[in-house]
Amino acid sequence: MRIGQNPAKFIKSVVQPQQVTVAVVTYIPILSGYYAQSLDVLKVCLNSIWENTVLPYDLMVFDNGSCPEVRNYLSEARDRGQIQYLVLSEKNIGKGGAWNFIFGAAPGEYIAYADSDVYFYPGWLAPQIEILEIFPDTGMVTGMPMWTPSEFSTATVQWSEANPDVQLERGKFLAWEDYWHHARSLGADEVKARAHFDASEDIVVIYDGKRYFVGAAHFQFVARKRALQSVLPIPSQRPMGQVRLLDIALNEHGYLRFSTPEWWVQHMGNTLGAEFTSSGTEPAIKFARRGSRGIWGIKPIRGLVNWLYRRTFEILYRWG
């Protein structure tokens, strides 16, 4: 039985969401091994959003089943008013599953998505939204100059070739320094990365005197919510490994994909380099380099150790 009237009935208005929802997905199941520095990386990521985002926004964080230390940190940030929407998933539903939730639930007209290991430079948001306004059919904009596989941007190429106001060019436009700066954050081997760089071709469009790289990346992008919702649901059978499905879906639906010619964001990886530490020194933790000397440089032994590591992790922290 209800007694009295709910006081909320007498409130005449509610706070309206911002036009932009900045969304971050995180998964840090333990604070050791591969994930030893992941909480520190997450803190740098969120701090860069709080400090370097000029336009009004709401922050949504989807935690995909992290350990208590991470969830406590996020809850405290929410309680301080730094996170407007915090989702603490009991289990890891995969990156695709997290995307399905975010793209469906984010209240903003624009969704600025990032993995939890992305650093944002001052003023990062406006240039990406500007591209969405210049090219209304754009589905994804990534805030850094980069090479991406052309098969995921065929719609962009076809649109550019059919548009008399746009000039399409193929060639070498990305500097090696820019390519390697990103590739090494992914753990790439420099020799193999150089060979790939030398053999690859960039595709750019020129509009109103400005050059944009064709292609975008799923680790960070800004998009209109309606474009992302038009390709839902994204299949999610594994925690990772199906992220290209978003690229494919947007391309097949005819959406354009671009990257900015300037660095507005940067992928950090699972460790903090000197540029992201307050002391300016490399973090204490060290990981063996591929091909290093000694017993750990022998491929069969490294393969066995990696298999044991993955298998142990699966047993202790298996998904689902």
Protein backbone atom coordinates (compact mmCIF):
# COMPACT_ATOMS: atom_id res chain seq x y z
CA MET A 1 0.00 0.00 0.00
CA ARG A 2 1.29 3.44 -0.91
CA ILE A 3 1.27 6.06 1.83
CA GLY A 4 1.50 9.68 0.75
CA GLN A 5 2.77 11.06 -2.56
CA ASN A 6 6.18 10.39 -4.10
CA PRO A 7 8.12 13.69 -3.73
CA ALA A 8 9.65 13.18 -7.18
CA LYS A 9 6.23 13.98 -8.71
CA PHE A 10 6.68 17.61 -7.72
CA ILE A 11 10.05 18.05 -9.46
CA LYS A 12 9.42 19.95 -12.68
CA SER A 13 12.59 19.09 -14.60
CA VAL A 14 15.51 16.67 -14.80
CA VAL A 15 19.11 17.16 -15.87
CA GLN A 16 19.47 16.73 -19.62
CA PRO A 17 22.35 14.69 -21.07
CA GLN A 18 25.17 16.33 -22.96
CA GLN A 19 25.34 16.10 -26.74
CA VAL A 20 28.46 13.93 -26.49
CA THR A 21 28.82 10.72 -24.51
CA VAL A 22 32.47 9.76 -24.04
CA ALA A 23 32.49 5.99 -23.49
CA VAL A 24 35.31 3.79 -22.21
CA VAL A 25 35.36 0.00 -21.85
CA THR A 26 37.75 -1.58 -19.38
CA TYR A 27 38.63 -5.12 -18.36
CA ILE A 28 41.36 -5.66 -15.77
CA PRO A 29 40.76 -9.02 -14.05
CA ILE A 30 44.00 -9.04 -12.02
CA LEU A 31 46.80 -6.60 -11.20
CA SER A 32 49.71 -8.85 -12.15
CA GLY A 33 51.30 -10.35 -15.23
CA TYR A 34 50.01 -8.75 -18.43
CA TYR A 35 47.72 -6.52 -16.35
CA ALA A 36 50.34 -5.37 -13.81
CA GLN A 37 50.17 -1.72 -14.91
CA SER A 38 46.67 -1.71 -16.38
CA LEU A 39 45.06 0.19 -13.50
CA ASP A 40 47.72 2.90 -13.80
CA VAL A 41 47.09 3.04 -17.55
CA LEU A 42 43.34 3.36 -16.92
CA LYS A 43 43.95 6.23 -14.51
CA VAL A 44 46.07 8.06 -17.09
CA CYS A 45 43.38 7.46 -19.70
CA LEU A 46 40.56 8.86 -17.56
CA ASN A 47 42.66 11.76 -16.27
CA SER A 48 43.43 12.79 -19.84
CA ILE A 49 39.69 12.83 -20.58
CA TRP A 50 38.92 14.90 -17.49
CA GLU A 51 41.76 17.34 -18.11
CA ASN A 52 41.79 17.65 -21.91
CA THR A 53 38.15 17.58 -23.02
CA VAL A 54 36.98 21.11 -23.76
CA LEU A 55 33.49 20.47 -25.14
CA PRO A 56 30.69 19.49 -22.73
CA TYR A 57 30.29 15.73 -22.35
CA ASP A 58 29.04 12.93 -20.15
CA LEU A 59 31.42 10.08 -19.33
CA MET A 60 30.21 6.49 -19.47
CA VAL A 61 32.47 3.66 -18.28
CA PHE A 62 31.55 0.04 -18.93
CA ASP A 63 33.57 -2.28 -16.71
CA ASN A 64 33.58 -5.77 -18.18
CA GLY A 65 34.16 -7.76 -15.00
CA SER A 66 37.35 -6.27 -13.55
CA CYS A 67 38.91 -7.06 -10.17
CA PRO A 68 37.68 -5.30 -6.98
CA GLU A 69 40.51 -2.74 -6.97
CA VAL A 70 39.49 -1.44 -10.39
CA ARG A 71 35.78 -1.42 -9.60
CA ASN A 72 36.43 0.45 -6.34
CA TYR A 73 38.46 3.08 -8.17
CA LEU A 74 35.69 3.56 -10.74
CA SER A 75 33.00 3.72 -8.08
CA GLU A 76 34.93 6.39 -6.18
CA ALA A 77 35.30 8.42 -9.39
CA ARG A 78 31.56 8.15 -9.98
CA ASP A 79 30.86 9.28 -6.42
CA ARG A 80 33.06 12.34 -7.03
CA GLY A 81 30.95 13.20 -10.07
CA GLN A 82 33.70 12.39 -12.58
CA ILE A 83 31.79 9.51 -14.18
CA GLN A 84 28.16 10.14 -15.06
CA TYR A 85 27.25 6.59 -16.09
CA LEU A 86 29.08 3.60 -14.58
CA VAL A 87 28.15 0.05 -15.56
CA LEU A 88 29.72 -2.75 -13.52
CA SER A 89 29.10 -5.96 -15.43
CA GLU A 90 29.28 -9.09 -13.29
CA LYS A 91 30.88 -11.05 -16.13
CA ASN A 92 32.93 -10.28 -19.21
CA ILE A 93 30.40 -10.14 -22.06
CA GLY A 94 33.06 -9.39 -24.65
CA LYS A 95 33.96 -6.13 -26.31
CA GLY A 96 31.16 -6.58 -28.82
CA GLY A 97 28.69 -7.08 -26.01
CA ALA A 98 29.92 -3.94 -24.29
CA TRP A 99 29.56 -2.04 -27.57
CA ASN A 100 25.99 -3.28 -27.94
CA PHE A 101 25.18 -1.92 -24.49
CA ILE A 102 26.97 1.41 -24.92
CA PHE A 103 25.70 2.14 -28.42
CA GLY A 104 22.18 1.35 -27.31
CA ALA A 105 22.23 3.16 -23.97
CA ALA A 106 24.45 6.24 -24.46
CA PRO A 107 22.22 9.31 -24.29
CA GLY A 108 24.34 11.64 -26.43
CA GLU A 109 23.90 12.36 -30.12
CA TYR A 110 27.60 11.60 -30.55
CA ILE A 111 29.51 8.71 -29.01
CA ALA A 112 33.25 9.17 -28.48
CA TYR A 113 34.49 5.65 -27.81
CA ALA A 114 37.89 4.51 -26.54
CA ASP A 115 39.55 1.48 -25.04
CA SER A 116 40.89 2.09 -21.55
CA ASP A 117 44.50 2.39 -22.78
CA VAL A 118 44.03 5.53 -24.88
CA TYR A 119 45.52 8.93 -24.05
CA PHE A 120 43.68 12.09 -25.12
CA TYR A 121 45.53 15.29 -26.00
CA PRO A 122 44.10 18.77 -25.25
CA GLY A 123 41.21 19.69 -27.53
CA TRP A 124 40.90 16.17 -28.97
CA LEU A 125 37.12 16.00 -29.35
CA ALA A 126 36.24 19.02 -31.52
CA PRO A 127 38.39 18.09 -34.58
CA GLN A 128 36.78 14.66 -34.78
CA ILE A 129 33.26 16.02 -34.53
CA GLU A 130 34.19 18.59 -37.18
CA ILE A 131 34.85 15.79 -39.67
CA LEU A 132 31.45 14.27 -38.88
CA GLU A 133 29.90 17.63 -39.69
CA ILE A 134 31.92 18.11 -42.90
CA PHE A 135 31.06 14.60 -44.13
CA PRO A 136 27.58 13.75 -42.75
CA ASP A 137 27.73 10.14 -44.00
CA THR A 138 30.79 9.40 -41.86
CA GLY A 139 30.49 6.44 -39.50
CA MET A 140 33.83 6.60 -37.64
CA VAL A 141 36.57 9.18 -37.09
CA THR A 142 39.81 8.27 -35.33
CA GLY A 143 41.93 11.06 -33.88
CA MET A 144 45.38 10.23 -35.23
CA PRO A 145 47.11 9.76 -38.61
CA MET A 146 47.27 6.08 -39.39
CA TRP A 147 47.28 3.35 -42.01
CA THR A 148 44.33 0.95 -42.02
CA PRO A 149 43.44 -2.00 -44.28
CA SER A 150 41.69 -0.66 -47.37
CA GLU A 151 39.16 -3.52 -47.51
CA PHE A 152 37.33 -2.00 -44.54
CA SER A 153 36.92 1.38 -46.24
CA THR A 154 35.69 0.52 -49.75
CA ALA A 155 32.55 2.61 -49.21
CA THR A 156 34.73 5.65 -48.47
CA VAL A 157 36.77 5.13 -51.62
CA GLN A 158 33.67 4.66 -53.80
CA TRP A 159 32.05 7.78 -52.34
CA SER A 160 35.20 9.81 -52.87
CA GLU A 161 35.60 8.72 -56.48
CA ALA A 162 31.98 9.69 -57.19
CA ASN A 163 32.18 13.07 -55.46
CA PRO A 164 33.54 15.86 -57.71
CA ASP A 165 34.31 18.06 -54.70
CA VAL A 166 36.67 15.47 -53.22
CA GLN A 167 40.10 14.49 -54.51
CA LEU A 168 41.26 10.93 -53.80
CA GLU A 169 44.98 10.15 -53.73
CA ARG A 170 47.01 7.00 -53.17
CA GLY A 171 50.65 6.92 -52.18
CA LYS A 172 52.97 7.50 -49.24
CA PHE A 173 51.55 10.23 -47.00
CA LEU A 174 52.09 8.78 -43.53
CA ALA A 175 55.54 9.39 -42.06
CA TRP A 176 57.45 6.40 -40.72
CA GLU A 177 57.74 8.12 -37.35
CA ASP A 178 53.95 8.35 -37.10
CA TYR A 179 53.48 4.75 -38.24
CA TRP A 180 56.07 3.35 -35.83
CA HIS A 181 54.89 5.49 -32.91
CA HIS A 182 51.57 3.66 -33.05
CA ALA A 183 52.85 0.24 -34.13
CA ARG A 184 55.28 -0.07 -31.25
CA SER A 185 52.47 0.62 -28.76
CA LEU A 186 50.87 -2.56 -30.14
CA GLY A 187 54.01 -4.58 -29.43
CA ALA A 188 55.07 -4.75 -33.08
CA ASP A 189 58.54 -5.88 -34.13
CA GLU A 190 60.36 -2.92 -35.67
CA VAL A 191 61.90 -4.86 -38.57
CA LYS A 192 58.55 -6.38 -39.57
CA ALA A 193 56.79 -3.06 -39.04
CA ARG A 194 59.28 -1.31 -41.33
CA ALA A 195 58.80 -3.92 -44.02
CA HIS A 196 55.02 -3.55 -43.81
CA PHE A 197 55.30 0.23 -43.88
CA ASP A 198 57.52 0.17 -46.97
CA ALA A 199 55.11 -2.16 -48.79
CA SER A 200 51.88 -0.41 -47.81
CA GLU A 201 49.97 2.33 -49.58
CA ASP A 202 48.05 5.18 -47.96
CA ILE A 203 44.72 6.47 -49.22
CA VAL A 204 43.74 10.05 -48.49
CA VAL A 205 40.98 12.41 -49.50
CA ILE A 206 41.52 16.12 -49.99
CA TYR A 207 38.59 18.44 -49.37
CA ASP A 208 38.66 22.21 -49.09
CA GLY A 209 42.45 22.11 -49.02
CA LYS A 210 42.74 19.66 -46.13
CA ARG A 211 43.92 16.04 -46.23
CA TYR A 212 42.20 13.22 -44.32
CA PHE A 213 43.37 9.61 -44.08
CA VAL A 214 40.86 7.06 -45.32
CA GLY A 215 40.10 4.48 -42.63
CA ALA A 216 39.51 4.46 -38.89
CA ALA A 217 40.36 2.29 -35.90
CA HIS A 218 38.07 0.55 -33.44
CA PHE A 219 40.29 1.30 -30.41
CA GLN A 220 39.22 4.97 -30.56
CA PHE A 221 36.64 6.76 -32.65
CA VAL A 222 33.90 9.37 -32.61
CA ALA A 223 30.61 8.60 -34.33
CA ARG A 224 26.99 9.59 -34.50
CA LYS A 225 24.93 7.34 -32.29
CA ARG A 226 22.38 6.69 -35.02
CA ALA A 227 25.12 5.30 -37.31
CA LEU A 228 26.35 2.88 -34.64
CA GLN A 229 22.83 1.80 -33.71
CA SER A 230 22.09 1.01 -37.35
CA VAL A 231 24.62 -1.86 -37.30
CA LEU A 232 23.60 -3.43 -33.97
CA PRO A 233 23.90 -6.02 -32.66
CA ILE A 234 27.63 -6.68 -32.99
CA PRO A 235 28.21 -10.46 -32.56
CA SER A 236 30.05 -11.25 -29.34
CA GLN A 237 31.16 -14.83 -28.83
CA ARG A 238 34.62 -14.07 -27.45
CA PRO A 239 36.04 -11.37 -25.17
CA MET A 240 38.26 -10.11 -27.99
CA GLY A 241 39.09 -10.97 -31.58
CA GLN A 242 35.82 -9.91 -33.25
CA VAL A 243 36.36 -6.15 -33.23
CA ARG A 244 36.72 -6.01 -37.01
CA LEU A 245 33.03 -6.85 -37.25
CA LEU A 246 32.22 -3.23 -36.40
CA ASP A 247 34.52 -1.97 -39.18
CA ILE A 248 32.96 -4.41 -41.62
CA ALA A 249 29.38 -3.57 -40.65
CA LEU A 250 29.83 0.20 -40.98
CA ASN A 251 31.59 -0.21 -44.33
CA GLU A 252 28.88 -2.53 -45.66
CA HIS A 253 26.22 -0.02 -44.62
CA GLY A 254 27.97 2.62 -46.72
CA TYR A 255 29.39 4.74 -43.90
CA LEU A 256 32.61 6.67 -44.42
CA ARG A 257 35.67 6.14 -42.21
CA PHE A 258 38.40 8.74 -41.66
CA SER A 259 41.44 9.47 -39.49
CA THR A 260 42.69 12.94 -38.66
CA PRO A 261 46.01 14.17 -40.06
CA GLU A 262 47.02 15.37 -36.57
CA TRP A 263 47.65 13.48 -33.34
CA TRP A 264 44.70 13.99 -30.99
CA VAL A 265 44.83 10.61 -29.26
CA GLN A 266 47.44 7.94 -28.66
CA HIS A 267 47.31 4.24 -27.85
CA MET A 268 49.37 3.48 -24.72
CA GLY A 269 49.25 -0.31 -24.45
CA ASN A 270 49.44 -2.22 -21.17
CA THR A 271 52.44 -0.33 -19.76
CA LEU A 272 53.21 3.34 -19.20
CA GLY A 273 56.09 4.74 -21.22
CA ALA A 274 58.24 7.64 -20.05
CA GLU A 275 55.96 10.24 -21.67
CA PHE A 276 53.08 9.19 -19.43
CA THR A 277 54.91 8.94 -16.09
CA SER A 278 55.24 11.96 -13.83
CA SER A 279 58.94 11.30 -13.25
CA GLY A 280 59.70 11.07 -16.96
CA THR A 281 61.37 7.68 -16.47
CA GLU A 282 60.37 4.30 -17.79
CA PRO A 283 58.28 2.19 -15.40
CA ALA A 284 60.14 -0.33 -13.29
CA ILE A 285 58.41 -3.38 -14.75
CA LYS A 286 60.23 -4.94 -17.68
CA PHE A 287 59.07 -7.52 -20.20
CA ALA A 288 61.36 -9.77 -22.21
CA ARG A 289 61.73 -8.65 -25.80
CA ARG A 290 60.96 -11.00 -28.61
CA GLY A 291 64.04 -12.77 -29.77
CA SER A 292 66.01 -11.89 -26.65
CA ARG A 293 69.03 -14.01 -25.84
CA GLY A 294 69.10 -16.87 -23.40
CA ILE A 295 66.64 -19.70 -22.87
CA TRP A 296 63.62 -17.38 -23.18
CA GLY A 297 64.72 -16.44 -26.70
CA ILE A 298 64.22 -20.02 -27.93
CA LYS A 299 60.90 -20.03 -29.82
CA PRO A 300 59.62 -23.47 -28.69
CA ILE A 301 60.26 -22.61 -25.03
CA ARG A 302 58.66 -19.18 -25.37
CA GLY A 303 55.69 -20.78 -27.10
CA LEU A 304 55.26 -23.32 -24.30
CA VAL A 305 55.50 -20.65 -21.58
CA ASN A 306 52.98 -18.44 -23.40
CA TRP A 307 50.61 -21.39 -23.76
CA LEU A 308 50.89 -22.22 -20.06
CA TYR A 309 50.31 -18.56 -19.17
CA ARG A 310 47.18 -18.33 -21.32
CA ARG A 311 45.89 -21.69 -20.12
CA THR A 312 46.41 -20.78 -16.44
CA PHE A 313 44.63 -17.48 -16.98
CA GLU A 314 41.73 -19.25 -18.69
CA ILE A 315 41.34 -21.66 -15.78
CA LEU A 316 41.45 -18.94 -13.10
CA TYR A 317 39.60 -16.16 -14.89
CA ARG A 318 37.72 -17.81 -17.73
CA TRP A 319 35.01 -15.79 -19.37
CA GLY A 320 31.37 -16.35 -18.57
